[in-house]
Amino acid sequence: MDHKITFKIEEVLRQREQSLYWLSRTTGISYTTLWRLTKDRALGMNFATLEKMCIALDCRPGDLMELDPDKKQKTKPRDIPVRTPRRASSLL
């Protein structure tokens, strides 16, 4: 996936001399979920997950992620067709 929000989890863990495995064991978040976040493969994130990571790492949400407005998207947004409203048929 290519999102403009990227996670800095590995950077924060490195500063605290901890591992992704440690974070998984401490928070109860699966290692796979954390790995997907660090490799930009996650489609979304639950607030409860973010809260657990912030508590374990004693940090704020902004310490774990950043917005990169210059990052280009690989895929164009899909064109969503505009639907015209249906007319109510008259039964009289």
PDB file of N, CA and C in Angstrom:
ATOM      1  N   MET A   1       0.835  -1.177   0.000  1.00  0.00           N
ATOM      2  CA  MET A   1       0.000   0.000   0.000  1.00  0.00           C
ATOM      3  C   MET A   1       0.879   1.239   0.000  1.00  0.00           C
ATOM      4  N   ASP A   2       0.298   2.289  -0.469  1.00  0.00           N
ATOM      5  CA  ASP A   2       1.046   3.538  -0.535  1.00  0.00           C
ATOM      6  C   ASP A   2       0.216   4.636   0.107  1.00  0.00           C
ATOM      7  N   HIS A   3       0.521   4.946   1.346  1.00  0.00           N
ATOM      8  CA  HIS A   3      -0.226   5.951   2.090  1.00  0.00           C
ATOM      9  C   HIS A   3       0.683   7.137   2.375  1.00  0.00           C
ATOM     10  N   LYS A   4       0.083   8.269   2.632  1.00  0.00           N
ATOM     11  CA  LYS A   4       0.862   9.443   2.990  1.00  0.00           C
ATOM     12  C   LYS A   4       1.216   9.451   4.475  1.00  0.00           C
ATOM     13  N   ILE A   5       0.505   8.670   5.270  1.00  0.00           N
ATOM     14  CA  ILE A   5       0.849   8.539   6.692  1.00  0.00           C
ATOM     15  C   ILE A   5       1.760   7.333   6.829  1.00  0.00           C
ATOM     16  N   THR A   6       2.923   7.551   7.418  1.00  0.00           N
ATOM     17  CA  THR A   6       3.873   6.466   7.634  1.00  0.00           C
ATOM     18  C   THR A   6       4.154   6.340   9.133  1.00  0.00           C
ATOM     19  N   PHE A   7       4.478   5.132   9.541  1.00  0.00           N
ATOM     20  CA  PHE A   7       4.748   4.877  10.949  1.00  0.00           C
ATOM     21  C   PHE A   7       6.244   4.862  11.216  1.00  0.00           C
ATOM     22  N   LYS A   8       6.616   5.418  12.357  1.00  0.00           N
ATOM     23  CA  LYS A   8       8.010   5.489  12.777  1.00  0.00           C
ATOM     24  C   LYS A   8       8.257   4.567  13.974  1.00  0.00           C
ATOM     25  N   ILE A   9       7.548   3.458  14.004  1.00  0.00           N
ATOM     26  CA  ILE A   9       7.622   2.550  15.152  1.00  0.00           C
ATOM     27  C   ILE A   9       9.035   2.016  15.332  1.00  0.00           C
ATOM     28  N   GLU A  10       9.671   1.596  14.244  1.00  0.00           N
ATOM     29  CA  GLU A  10      11.030   1.044  14.354  1.00  0.00           C
ATOM     30  C   GLU A  10      12.008   2.087  14.883  1.00  0.00           C
ATOM     31  N   GLU A  11      11.843   3.331  14.469  1.00  0.00           N
ATOM     32  CA  GLU A  11      12.718   4.409  14.934  1.00  0.00           C
ATOM     33  C   GLU A  11      12.550   4.626  16.439  1.00  0.00           C
ATOM     34  N   VAL A  12      11.313   4.646  16.907  1.00  0.00           N
ATOM     35  CA  VAL A  12      11.041   4.832  18.339  1.00  0.00           C
ATOM     36  C   VAL A  12      11.571   3.643  19.135  1.00  0.00           C
ATOM     37  N   LEU A  13      11.387   2.434  18.629  1.00  0.00           N
ATOM     38  CA  LEU A  13      11.896   1.240  19.315  1.00  0.00           C
ATOM     39  C   LEU A  13      13.424   1.266  19.392  1.00  0.00           C
ATOM     40  N   ARG A  14      14.058   1.685  18.312  1.00  0.00           N
ATOM     41  CA  ARG A  14      15.522   1.754  18.286  1.00  0.00           C
ATOM     42  C   ARG A  14      16.029   2.727  19.357  1.00  0.00           C
ATOM     43  N   GLN A  15      15.356   3.878  19.498  1.00  0.00           N
ATOM     44  CA  GLN A  15      15.755   4.869  20.502  1.00  0.00           C
ATOM     45  C   GLN A  15      15.625   4.310  21.918  1.00  0.00           C
ATOM     46  N   ARG A  16      14.663   3.440  22.120  1.00  0.00           N
ATOM     47  CA  ARG A  16      14.423   2.852  23.441  1.00  0.00           C
ATOM     48  C   ARG A  16      15.116   1.501  23.617  1.00  0.00           C
ATOM     49  N   GLU A  17      15.867   1.097  22.616  1.00  0.00           N
ATOM     50  CA  GLU A  17      16.588  -0.175  22.617  1.00  0.00           C
ATOM     51  C   GLU A  17      15.650  -1.345  22.878  1.00  0.00           C
ATOM     52  N   GLN A  18      14.528  -1.341  22.181  1.00  0.00           N
ATOM     53  CA  GLN A  18      13.545  -2.411  22.283  1.00  0.00           C
ATOM     54  C   GLN A  18      13.293  -2.976  20.887  1.00  0.00           C
ATOM     55  N   SER A  19      12.652  -4.133  20.836  1.00  0.00           N
ATOM     56  CA  SER A  19      12.387  -4.784  19.554  1.00  0.00           C
ATOM     57  C   SER A  19      10.882  -4.822  19.261  1.00  0.00           C
ATOM     58  N   LEU A  20      10.569  -5.127  18.034  1.00  0.00           N
ATOM     59  CA  LEU A  20       9.178  -5.289  17.629  1.00  0.00           C
ATOM     60  C   LEU A  20       8.554  -6.459  18.396  1.00  0.00           C
ATOM     61  N   TYR A  21       9.338  -7.479  18.623  1.00  0.00           N
ATOM     62  CA  TYR A  21       8.877  -8.638  19.398  1.00  0.00           C
ATOM     63  C   TYR A  21       8.513  -8.210  20.826  1.00  0.00           C
ATOM     64  N   TRP A  22       9.353  -7.377  21.439  1.00  0.00           N
ATOM     65  CA  TRP A  22       9.081  -6.871  22.788  1.00  0.00           C
ATOM     66  C   TRP A  22       7.762  -6.104  22.803  1.00  0.00           C
ATOM     67  N   LEU A  23       7.554  -5.238  21.801  1.00  0.00           N
ATOM     68  CA  LEU A  23       6.329  -4.438  21.734  1.00  0.00           C
ATOM     69  C   LEU A  23       5.105  -5.338  21.593  1.00  0.00           C
ATOM     70  N   SER A  24       5.243  -6.380  20.808  1.00  0.00           N
ATOM     71  CA  SER A  24       4.149  -7.324  20.625  1.00  0.00           C
ATOM     72  C   SER A  24       3.789  -8.014  21.941  1.00  0.00           C
ATOM     73  N   ARG A  25       4.804  -8.476  22.651  1.00  0.00           N
ATOM     74  CA  ARG A  25       4.578  -9.173  23.927  1.00  0.00           C
ATOM     75  C   ARG A  25       4.024  -8.223  24.991  1.00  0.00           C
ATOM     76  N   THR A  26       4.486  -6.995  25.007  1.00  0.00           N
ATOM     77  CA  THR A  26       4.071  -6.015  26.016  1.00  0.00           C
ATOM     78  C   THR A  26       2.644  -5.541  25.800  1.00  0.00           C
ATOM     79  N   THR A  27       2.267  -5.340  24.552  1.00  0.00           N
ATOM     80  CA  THR A  27       0.952  -4.774  24.239  1.00  0.00           C
ATOM     81  C   THR A  27      -0.121  -5.815  23.959  1.00  0.00           C
ATOM     82  N   GLY A  28       0.277  -7.014  23.576  1.00  0.00           N
ATOM     83  CA  GLY A  28      -0.689  -8.012  23.171  1.00  0.00           C
ATOM     84  C   GLY A  28      -1.111  -7.858  21.716  1.00  0.00           C
ATOM     85  N   ILE A  29      -0.482  -6.949  21.005  1.00  0.00           N
ATOM     86  CA  ILE A  29      -0.755  -6.746  19.574  1.00  0.00           C
ATOM     87  C   ILE A  29       0.058  -7.784  18.819  1.00  0.00           C
ATOM     88  N   SER A  30      -0.557  -8.419  17.845  1.00  0.00           N
ATOM     89  CA  SER A  30       0.165  -9.472  17.135  1.00  0.00           C
ATOM     90  C   SER A  30       1.394  -8.907  16.418  1.00  0.00           C
ATOM     91  N   TYR A  31       2.426  -9.721  16.362  1.00  0.00           N
ATOM     92  CA  TYR A  31       3.661  -9.326  15.695  1.00  0.00           C
ATOM     93  C   TYR A  31       3.378  -8.983  14.231  1.00  0.00           C
ATOM     94  N   THR A  32       2.494  -9.756  13.608  1.00  0.00           N
ATOM     95  CA  THR A  32       2.164  -9.528  12.204  1.00  0.00           C
ATOM     96  C   THR A  32       1.551  -8.152  12.004  1.00  0.00           C
ATOM     97  N   THR A  33       0.662  -7.755  12.890  1.00  0.00           N
ATOM     98  CA  THR A  33       0.040  -6.429  12.797  1.00  0.00           C
ATOM     99  C   THR A  33       1.095  -5.335  12.908  1.00  0.00           C
ATOM    100  N   LEU A  34       1.980  -5.467  13.874  1.00  0.00           N
ATOM    101  CA  LEU A  34       3.040  -4.469  14.048  1.00  0.00           C
ATOM    102  C   LEU A  34       3.971  -4.445  12.839  1.00  0.00           C
ATOM    103  N   TRP A  35       4.291  -5.618  12.313  1.00  0.00           N
ATOM    104  CA  TRP A  35       5.168  -5.698  11.143  1.00  0.00           C
ATOM    105  C   TRP A  35       4.527  -4.985   9.958  1.00  0.00           C
ATOM    106  N   ARG A  36       3.226  -5.218   9.757  1.00  0.00           N
ATOM    107  CA  ARG A  36       2.521  -4.558   8.648  1.00  0.00           C
ATOM    108  C   ARG A  36       2.545  -3.049   8.790  1.00  0.00           C
ATOM    109  N   LEU A  37       2.422  -2.557  10.010  1.00  0.00           N
ATOM    110  CA  LEU A  37       2.480  -1.111  10.233  1.00  0.00           C
ATOM    111  C   LEU A  37       3.860  -0.561   9.894  1.00  0.00           C
ATOM    112  N   THR A  38       4.897  -1.267  10.294  1.00  0.00           N
ATOM    113  CA  THR A  38       6.260  -0.775  10.044  1.00  0.00           C
ATOM    114  C   THR A  38       6.646  -0.860   8.570  1.00  0.00           C
ATOM    115  N   LYS A  39       6.055  -1.792   7.832  1.00  0.00           N
ATOM    116  CA  LYS A  39       6.395  -1.988   6.415  1.00  0.00           C
ATOM    117  C   LYS A  39       5.400  -1.322   5.475  1.00  0.00           C
ATOM    118  N   ASP A  40       4.528  -0.465   6.021  1.00  0.00           N
ATOM    119  CA  ASP A  40       3.549   0.276   5.218  1.00  0.00           C
ATOM    120  C   ASP A  40       2.620  -0.664   4.454  1.00  0.00           C
ATOM    121  N   ARG A  41       2.207  -1.741   5.100  1.00  0.00           N
ATOM    122  CA  ARG A  41       1.319  -2.719   4.472  1.00  0.00           C
ATOM    123  C   ARG A  41      -0.059  -2.771   5.144  1.00  0.00           C
ATOM    124  N   ALA A  42      -0.269  -1.947   6.153  1.00  0.00           N
ATOM    125  CA  ALA A  42      -1.546  -1.951   6.865  1.00  0.00           C
ATOM    126  C   ALA A  42      -2.544  -1.044   6.146  1.00  0.00           C
ATOM    127  N   LEU A  43      -3.793  -1.434   6.177  1.00  0.00           N
ATOM    128  CA  LEU A  43      -4.841  -0.635   5.556  1.00  0.00           C
ATOM    129  C   LEU A  43      -5.448   0.371   6.524  1.00  0.00           C
ATOM    130  N   GLY A  44      -5.297   0.119   7.792  1.00  0.00           N
ATOM    131  CA  GLY A  44      -5.850   1.006   8.796  1.00  0.00           C
ATOM    132  C   GLY A  44      -5.328   0.636  10.167  1.00  0.00           C
ATOM    133  N   MET A  45      -5.787   1.392  11.163  1.00  0.00           N
ATOM    134  CA  MET A  45      -5.351   1.123  12.525  1.00  0.00           C
ATOM    135  C   MET A  45      -6.475   1.461  13.491  1.00  0.00           C
ATOM    136  N   ASN A  46      -6.644   0.629  14.475  1.00  0.00           N
ATOM    137  CA  ASN A  46      -7.638   0.810  15.508  1.00  0.00           C
ATOM    138  C   ASN A  46      -7.073   1.756  16.576  1.00  0.00           C
ATOM    139  N   PHE A  47      -7.920   2.617  17.137  1.00  0.00           N
ATOM    140  CA  PHE A  47      -7.453   3.526  18.189  1.00  0.00           C
ATOM    141  C   PHE A  47      -6.954   2.761  19.410  1.00  0.00           C
ATOM    142  N   ALA A  48      -7.558   1.626  19.707  1.00  0.00           N
ATOM    143  CA  ALA A  48      -7.114   0.825  20.852  1.00  0.00           C
ATOM    144  C   ALA A  48      -5.684   0.335  20.632  1.00  0.00           C
ATOM    145  N   THR A  49      -5.353  -0.030  19.395  1.00  0.00           N
ATOM    146  CA  THR A  49      -3.996  -0.480  19.068  1.00  0.00           C
ATOM    147  C   THR A  49      -3.009   0.659  19.251  1.00  0.00           C
ATOM    148  N   LEU A  50      -3.367   1.832  18.752  1.00  0.00           N
ATOM    149  CA  LEU A  50      -2.503   3.002  18.882  1.00  0.00           C
ATOM    150  C   LEU A  50      -2.299   3.358  20.352  1.00  0.00           C
ATOM    151  N   GLU A  51      -3.369   3.291  21.125  1.00  0.00           N
ATOM    152  CA  GLU A  51      -3.286   3.602  22.545  1.00  0.00           C
ATOM    153  C   GLU A  51      -2.358   2.627  23.277  1.00  0.00           C
ATOM    154  N   LYS A  52      -2.465   1.340  22.983  1.00  0.00           N
ATOM    155  CA  LYS A  52      -1.593   0.340  23.616  1.00  0.00           C
ATOM    156  C   LYS A  52      -0.125   0.614  23.307  1.00  0.00           C
ATOM    157  N   MET A  53       0.155   0.961  22.056  1.00  0.00           N
ATOM    158  CA  MET A  53       1.550   1.239  21.691  1.00  0.00           C
ATOM    159  C   MET A  53       2.061   2.482  22.405  1.00  0.00           C
ATOM    160  N   CYS A  54       1.227   3.525  22.486  1.00  0.00           N
ATOM    161  CA  CYS A  54       1.646   4.756  23.164  1.00  0.00           C
ATOM    162  C   CYS A  54       1.912   4.521  24.648  1.00  0.00           C
ATOM    163  N   ILE A  55       1.084   3.712  25.277  1.00  0.00           N
ATOM    164  CA  ILE A  55       1.284   3.419  26.703  1.00  0.00           C
ATOM    165  C   ILE A  55       2.566   2.621  26.907  1.00  0.00           C
ATOM    166  N   ALA A  56       2.776   1.602  26.084  1.00  0.00           N
ATOM    167  CA  ALA A  56       3.968   0.757  26.226  1.00  0.00           C
ATOM    168  C   ALA A  56       5.252   1.548  25.965  1.00  0.00           C
ATOM    169  N   LEU A  57       5.206   2.461  25.009  1.00  0.00           N
ATOM    170  CA  LEU A  57       6.405   3.210  24.637  1.00  0.00           C
ATOM    171  C   LEU A  57       6.499   4.570  25.328  1.00  0.00           C
ATOM    172  N   ASP A  58       5.499   4.890  26.155  1.00  0.00           N
ATOM    173  CA  ASP A  58       5.450   6.168  26.863  1.00  0.00           C
ATOM    174  C   ASP A  58       5.659   7.328  25.885  1.00  0.00           C
ATOM    175  N   CYS A  59       4.779   7.387  24.884  1.00  0.00           N
ATOM    176  CA  CYS A  59       4.897   8.437  23.873  1.00  0.00           C
ATOM    177  C   CYS A  59       3.512   8.887  23.432  1.00  0.00           C
ATOM    178  N   ARG A  60       3.478   9.822  22.531  1.00  0.00           N
ATOM    179  CA  ARG A  60       2.229  10.332  21.990  1.00  0.00           C
ATOM    180  C   ARG A  60       2.027   9.782  20.586  1.00  0.00           C
ATOM    181  N   PRO A  61       0.781   9.762  20.082  1.00  0.00           N
ATOM    182  CA  PRO A  61       0.535   9.231  18.735  1.00  0.00           C
ATOM    183  C   PRO A  61       1.398   9.878  17.652  1.00  0.00           C
ATOM    184  N   GLY A  62       1.641  11.158  17.770  1.00  0.00           N
ATOM    185  CA  GLY A  62       2.466  11.856  16.782  1.00  0.00           C
ATOM    186  C   GLY A  62       3.921  11.413  16.778  1.00  0.00           C
ATOM    187  N   ASP A  63       4.361  10.779  17.861  1.00  0.00           N
ATOM    188  CA  ASP A  63       5.724  10.245  17.904  1.00  0.00           C
ATOM    189  C   ASP A  63       5.846   8.971  17.083  1.00  0.00           C
ATOM    190  N   LEU A  64       4.709   8.303  16.839  1.00  0.00           N
ATOM    191  CA  LEU A  64       4.721   7.020  16.138  1.00  0.00           C
ATOM    192  C   LEU A  64       4.398   7.127  14.651  1.00  0.00           C
ATOM    193  N   MET A  65       3.848   8.255  14.229  1.00  0.00           N
ATOM    194  CA  MET A  65       3.490   8.378  12.817  1.00  0.00           C
ATOM    195  C   MET A  65       3.705   9.805  12.341  1.00  0.00           C
ATOM    196  N   GLU A  66       3.818   9.910  11.012  1.00  0.00           N
ATOM    197  CA  GLU A  66       3.992  11.231  10.424  1.00  0.00           C
ATOM    198  C   GLU A  66       3.266  11.289   9.087  1.00  0.00           C
ATOM    199  N   LEU A  67       2.903  12.492   8.696  1.00  0.00           N
ATOM    200  CA  LEU A  67       2.244  12.719   7.420  1.00  0.00           C
ATOM    201  C   LEU A  67       3.276  13.252   6.449  1.00  0.00           C
ATOM    202  N   ASP A  68       3.404  12.587   5.321  1.00  0.00           N
ATOM    203  CA  ASP A  68       4.344  13.003   4.286  1.00  0.00           C
ATOM    204  C   ASP A  68       3.540  13.496   3.084  1.00  0.00           C
ATOM    205  N   PRO A  69       3.222  14.794   3.036  1.00  0.00           N
ATOM    206  CA  PRO A  69       2.376  15.306   1.957  1.00  0.00           C
ATOM    207  C   PRO A  69       3.029  15.220   0.581  1.00  0.00           C
ATOM    208  N   ASP A  70       4.334  15.086   0.511  1.00  0.00           N
ATOM    209  CA  ASP A  70       5.026  15.016  -0.773  1.00  0.00           C
ATOM    210  C   ASP A  70       5.075  13.615  -1.345  1.00  0.00           C
ATOM    211  N   LYS A  71       4.695  12.627  -0.551  1.00  0.00           N
ATOM    212  CA  LYS A  71       4.733  11.244  -1.012  1.00  0.00           C
ATOM    213  C   LYS A  71       3.705  11.052  -2.119  1.00  0.00           C
ATOM    214  N   LYS A  72       4.154  10.531  -3.232  1.00  0.00           N
ATOM    215  CA  LYS A  72       3.271  10.343  -4.375  1.00  0.00           C
ATOM    216  C   LYS A  72       2.540   9.022  -4.257  1.00  0.00           C
ATOM    217  N   GLN A  73       1.287   9.027  -4.676  1.00  0.00           N
ATOM    218  CA  GLN A  73       0.510   7.800  -4.683  1.00  0.00           C
ATOM    219  C   GLN A  73       0.754   7.075  -5.992  1.00  0.00           C
ATOM    220  N   LYS A  74       0.894   5.753  -5.897  1.00  0.00           N
ATOM    221  CA  LYS A  74       1.154   4.946  -7.087  1.00  0.00           C
ATOM    222  C   LYS A  74      -0.106   4.740  -7.922  1.00  0.00           C
ATOM    223  N   THR A  75      -1.232   4.683  -7.259  1.00  0.00           N
ATOM    224  CA  THR A  75      -2.472   4.432  -7.989  1.00  0.00           C
ATOM    225  C   THR A  75      -3.356   5.669  -7.953  1.00  0.00           C
ATOM    226  N   LYS A  76      -4.069   5.857  -9.038  1.00  0.00           N
ATOM    227  CA  LYS A  76      -5.000   6.976  -9.084  1.00  0.00           C
ATOM    228  C   LYS A  76      -6.254   6.602  -8.307  1.00  0.00           C
ATOM    229  N   PRO A  77      -6.879   7.600  -7.687  1.00  0.00           N
ATOM    230  CA  PRO A  77      -8.137   7.299  -7.013  1.00  0.00           C
ATOM    231  C   PRO A  77      -9.168   6.817  -8.028  1.00  0.00           C
ATOM    232  N   ARG A  78      -9.985   5.875  -7.621  1.00  0.00           N
ATOM    233  CA  ARG A  78     -10.998   5.350  -8.529  1.00  0.00           C
ATOM    234  C   ARG A  78     -12.061   6.394  -8.797  1.00  0.00           C
ATOM    235  N   ASP A  79     -12.498   6.431 -10.040  1.00  0.00           N
ATOM    236  CA  ASP A  79     -13.610   7.308 -10.382  1.00  0.00           C
ATOM    237  C   ASP A  79     -14.893   6.627  -9.951  1.00  0.00           C
ATOM    238  N   ILE A  80     -15.645   7.312  -9.123  1.00  0.00           N
ATOM    239  CA  ILE A  80     -16.904   6.767  -8.658  1.00  0.00           C
ATOM    240  C   ILE A  80     -18.010   7.355  -9.523  1.00  0.00           C
ATOM    241  N   PRO A  81     -18.760   6.504 -10.205  1.00  0.00           N
ATOM    242  CA  PRO A  81     -19.800   7.038 -11.074  1.00  0.00           C
ATOM    243  C   PRO A  81     -20.888   7.744 -10.269  1.00  0.00           C
ATOM    244  N   VAL A  82     -21.386   8.817 -10.835  1.00  0.00           N
ATOM    245  CA  VAL A  82     -22.460   9.564 -10.197  1.00  0.00           C
ATOM    246  C   VAL A  82     -23.778   8.934 -10.611  1.00  0.00           C
ATOM    247  N   ARG A  83     -24.564   8.583  -9.644  1.00  0.00           N
ATOM    248  CA  ARG A  83     -25.853   7.962  -9.943  1.00  0.00           C
ATOM    249  C   ARG A  83     -26.937   9.022  -9.961  1.00  0.00           C
ATOM    250  N   THR A  84     -27.792   8.911 -10.937  1.00  0.00           N
ATOM    251  CA  THR A  84     -28.919   9.835 -10.991  1.00  0.00           C
ATOM    252  C   THR A  84     -30.054   9.241 -10.168  1.00  0.00           C
ATOM    253  N   PRO A  85     -30.762  10.091  -9.463  1.00  0.00           N
ATOM    254  CA  PRO A  85     -31.842   9.570  -8.629  1.00  0.00           C
ATOM    255  C   PRO A  85     -32.949   8.964  -9.487  1.00  0.00           C
ATOM    256  N   ARG A  86     -33.531   7.907  -9.008  1.00  0.00           N
ATOM    257  CA  ARG A  86     -34.639   7.263  -9.724  1.00  0.00           C
ATOM    258  C   ARG A  86     -35.916   8.071  -9.530  1.00  0.00           C
ATOM    259  N   ARG A  87     -36.702   8.072 -10.561  1.00  0.00           N
ATOM    260  CA  ARG A  87     -37.984   8.755 -10.462  1.00  0.00           C
ATOM    261  C   ARG A  87     -39.007   7.797  -9.892  1.00  0.00           C
ATOM    262  N   ALA A  88     -39.819   8.318  -9.052  1.00  0.00           N
ATOM    263  CA  ALA A  88     -40.895   7.501  -8.498  1.00  0.00           C
ATOM    264  C   ALA A  88     -41.939   7.277  -9.602  1.00  0.00           C
ATOM    265  N   SER A  89     -42.290   6.062  -9.798  1.00  0.00           N
ATOM    266  CA  SER A  89     -43.278   5.792 -10.840  1.00  0.00           C
ATOM    267  C   SER A  89     -44.680   6.061 -10.310  1.00  0.00           C
ATOM    268  N   SER A  90     -45.480   6.562 -11.156  1.00  0.00           N
ATOM    269  CA  SER A  90     -46.846   6.878 -10.774  1.00  0.00           C
ATOM    270  C   SER A  90     -47.746   5.677 -11.063  1.00  0.00           C
ATOM    271  N   LEU A  91     -48.463   5.226 -10.078  1.00  0.00           N
ATOM    272  CA  LEU A  91     -49.352   4.098 -10.250  1.00  0.00           C
ATOM    273  C   LEU A  91     -50.795   4.537 -10.510  1.00  0.00           C
ATOM    274  N   LEU A  92     -51.024   5.810 -10.558  1.00  0.00           N
ATOM    275  CA  LEU A  92     -52.382   6.311 -10.786  1.00  0.00           C
ATOM    276  C   LEU A  92     -52.731   6.449 -12.218  1.00  0.00           C
TER     277      LEU A  92
END
